[in-house]
Structures are given as C-alpha cells and as structure tokens.
Amino acid sequence: MNQQLEIGDLVKILYLPMSGDFGIVIKQGTDPVDGTGLNINVTECLVRLTDGRKVWFRTEELINV
C-alpha cells in the first residue's frame, strides 16, 4: 500500500508491537539521510507518538486518520 503522507498528518500505527497507537508525522525520509548514518529512505516517516517518543516507520505501517 503506497499512500501519500504529509508532515502534520495524524496517523494510526499498524506496526504490530505498537498497534493502535497514534502519532503525528514530523519528517519524511530522504535519500540519503543527511549525515546520520541511518538507512532511512523516502518510504519512511518520523512520527511523534502520543507519549512524546519519535520513531521511524515505513509508510505501510501507518494509516492516515
């Protein structure tokens, strides 16, 4: 499922260990990531969860609410 997510979108997490959590997209991946050494690509988004943590998710692990 290739969906378009924008910065600021409210999303529900489908990733099984965190299933049902909500968050807000705060950054989309770039290719390559600017000097971080992480292998984050354009199909991944940084999400701020309701408990304040920031976690990278693939877009297929998120659904726009």
C-alpha atoms as a PDB file:
ATOM      1  CA  MET A   1       0.000   0.000   0.000  1.00  0.00           C
ATOM      2  CA  ASN A   2       1.691   3.171  -1.201  1.00  0.00           C
ATOM      3  CA  GLN A   3      -0.074   6.100   0.413  1.00  0.00           C
ATOM      4  CA  GLN A   4       0.876   9.750   0.476  1.00  0.00           C
ATOM      5  CA  LEU A   5       1.540  11.073   3.957  1.00  0.00           C
ATOM      6  CA  GLU A   6       2.251  14.733   4.613  1.00  0.00           C
ATOM      7  CA  ILE A   7       4.028  16.392   7.514  1.00  0.00           C
ATOM      8  CA  GLY A   8       1.432  17.121  10.204  1.00  0.00           C
ATOM      9  CA  ASP A   9      -0.857  14.183   9.334  1.00  0.00           C
ATOM     10  CA  LEU A  10      -2.415  12.286  12.236  1.00  0.00           C
ATOM     11  CA  VAL A  11      -1.655   8.590  11.760  1.00  0.00           C
ATOM     12  CA  LYS A  12      -2.557   5.313  13.417  1.00  0.00           C
ATOM     13  CA  ILE A  13       0.288   2.822  13.843  1.00  0.00           C
ATOM     14  CA  LEU A  14      -0.196  -0.601  12.245  1.00  0.00           C
ATOM     15  CA  TYR A  15       3.227  -1.946  13.326  1.00  0.00           C
ATOM     16  CA  LEU A  16       2.222  -4.928  15.479  1.00  0.00           C
ATOM     17  CA  PRO A  17       4.158  -4.175  18.718  1.00  0.00           C
ATOM     18  CA  MET A  18       2.723  -0.624  18.714  1.00  0.00           C
ATOM     19  CA  SER A  19      -0.594  -1.354  17.029  1.00  0.00           C
ATOM     20  CA  GLY A  20      -3.333   1.137  17.816  1.00  0.00           C
ATOM     21  CA  ASP A  21      -1.017   3.977  18.916  1.00  0.00           C
ATOM     22  CA  PHE A  22      -1.449   7.377  17.310  1.00  0.00           C
ATOM     23  CA  GLY A  23       1.109   9.948  16.254  1.00  0.00           C
ATOM     24  CA  ILE A  24       1.843  12.898  14.012  1.00  0.00           C
ATOM     25  CA  VAL A  25       4.193  12.766  11.020  1.00  0.00           C
ATOM     26  CA  ILE A  26       7.008  15.248  11.680  1.00  0.00           C
ATOM     27  CA  LYS A  27       9.524  14.351   8.960  1.00  0.00           C
ATOM     28  CA  GLN A  28       9.719  12.285   5.809  1.00  0.00           C
ATOM     29  CA  GLY A  29      12.790  10.298   4.904  1.00  0.00           C
ATOM     30  CA  THR A  30      15.250  11.438   2.306  1.00  0.00           C
ATOM     31  CA  ASP A  31      17.682   9.517   0.181  1.00  0.00           C
ATOM     32  CA  PRO A  32      20.360   9.663   1.500  1.00  0.00           C
ATOM     33  CA  VAL A  33      19.813  10.853   5.073  1.00  0.00           C
ATOM     34  CA  ASP A  34      21.828  13.951   5.883  1.00  0.00           C
ATOM     35  CA  GLY A  35      24.891  12.671   7.726  1.00  0.00           C
ATOM     36  CA  THR A  36      23.062  10.496  10.257  1.00  0.00           C
ATOM     37  CA  GLY A  37      24.424   7.158   9.067  1.00  0.00           C
ATOM     38  CA  LEU A  38      20.906   5.677   9.151  1.00  0.00           C
ATOM     39  CA  ASN A  39      19.482   3.936   6.112  1.00  0.00           C
ATOM     40  CA  ILE A  40      16.216   5.921   6.029  1.00  0.00           C
ATOM     41  CA  ASN A  41      14.614   6.293   2.605  1.00  0.00           C
ATOM     42  CA  VAL A  42      11.680   8.181   1.114  1.00  0.00           C
ATOM     43  CA  THR A  43       9.180   5.462   2.069  1.00  0.00           C
ATOM     44  CA  GLU A  44       9.708   6.123   5.785  1.00  0.00           C
ATOM     45  CA  CYS A  45       8.362   8.804   8.115  1.00  0.00           C
ATOM     46  CA  LEU A  46       9.433  10.078  11.510  1.00  0.00           C
ATOM     47  CA  VAL A  47       6.403  10.058  13.803  1.00  0.00           C
ATOM     48  CA  ARG A  48       5.977  11.743  17.188  1.00  0.00           C
ATOM     49  CA  LEU A  49       3.883   9.360  19.277  1.00  0.00           C
ATOM     50  CA  THR A  50       1.348  10.465  21.880  1.00  0.00           C
ATOM     51  CA  ASP A  51       3.836   9.659  24.672  1.00  0.00           C
ATOM     52  CA  GLY A  52       6.409  12.031  23.138  1.00  0.00           C
ATOM     53  CA  ARG A  53       8.771   9.475  21.562  1.00  0.00           C
ATOM     54  CA  LYS A  54       9.951   9.903  17.975  1.00  0.00           C
ATOM     55  CA  VAL A  55      10.079   6.703  15.900  1.00  0.00           C
ATOM     56  CA  TRP A  56      10.766   5.989  12.211  1.00  0.00           C
ATOM     57  CA  PHE A  57       8.073   3.889  10.491  1.00  0.00           C
ATOM     58  CA  ARG A  58       7.623   2.627   6.943  1.00  0.00           C
ATOM     59  CA  THR A  59       4.559   4.114   5.276  1.00  0.00           C
ATOM     60  CA  GLU A  60       2.892   0.690   5.065  1.00  0.00           C
ATOM     61  CA  GLU A  61       2.984   0.561   8.898  1.00  0.00           C
ATOM     62  CA  LEU A  62       0.910   3.768   9.115  1.00  0.00           C
ATOM     63  CA  ILE A  63      -2.628   4.705   8.164  1.00  0.00           C
ATOM     64  CA  ASN A  64      -3.845   8.277   7.806  1.00  0.00           C
ATOM     65  CA  VAL A  65      -6.680   9.002  10.243  1.00  0.00           C
END
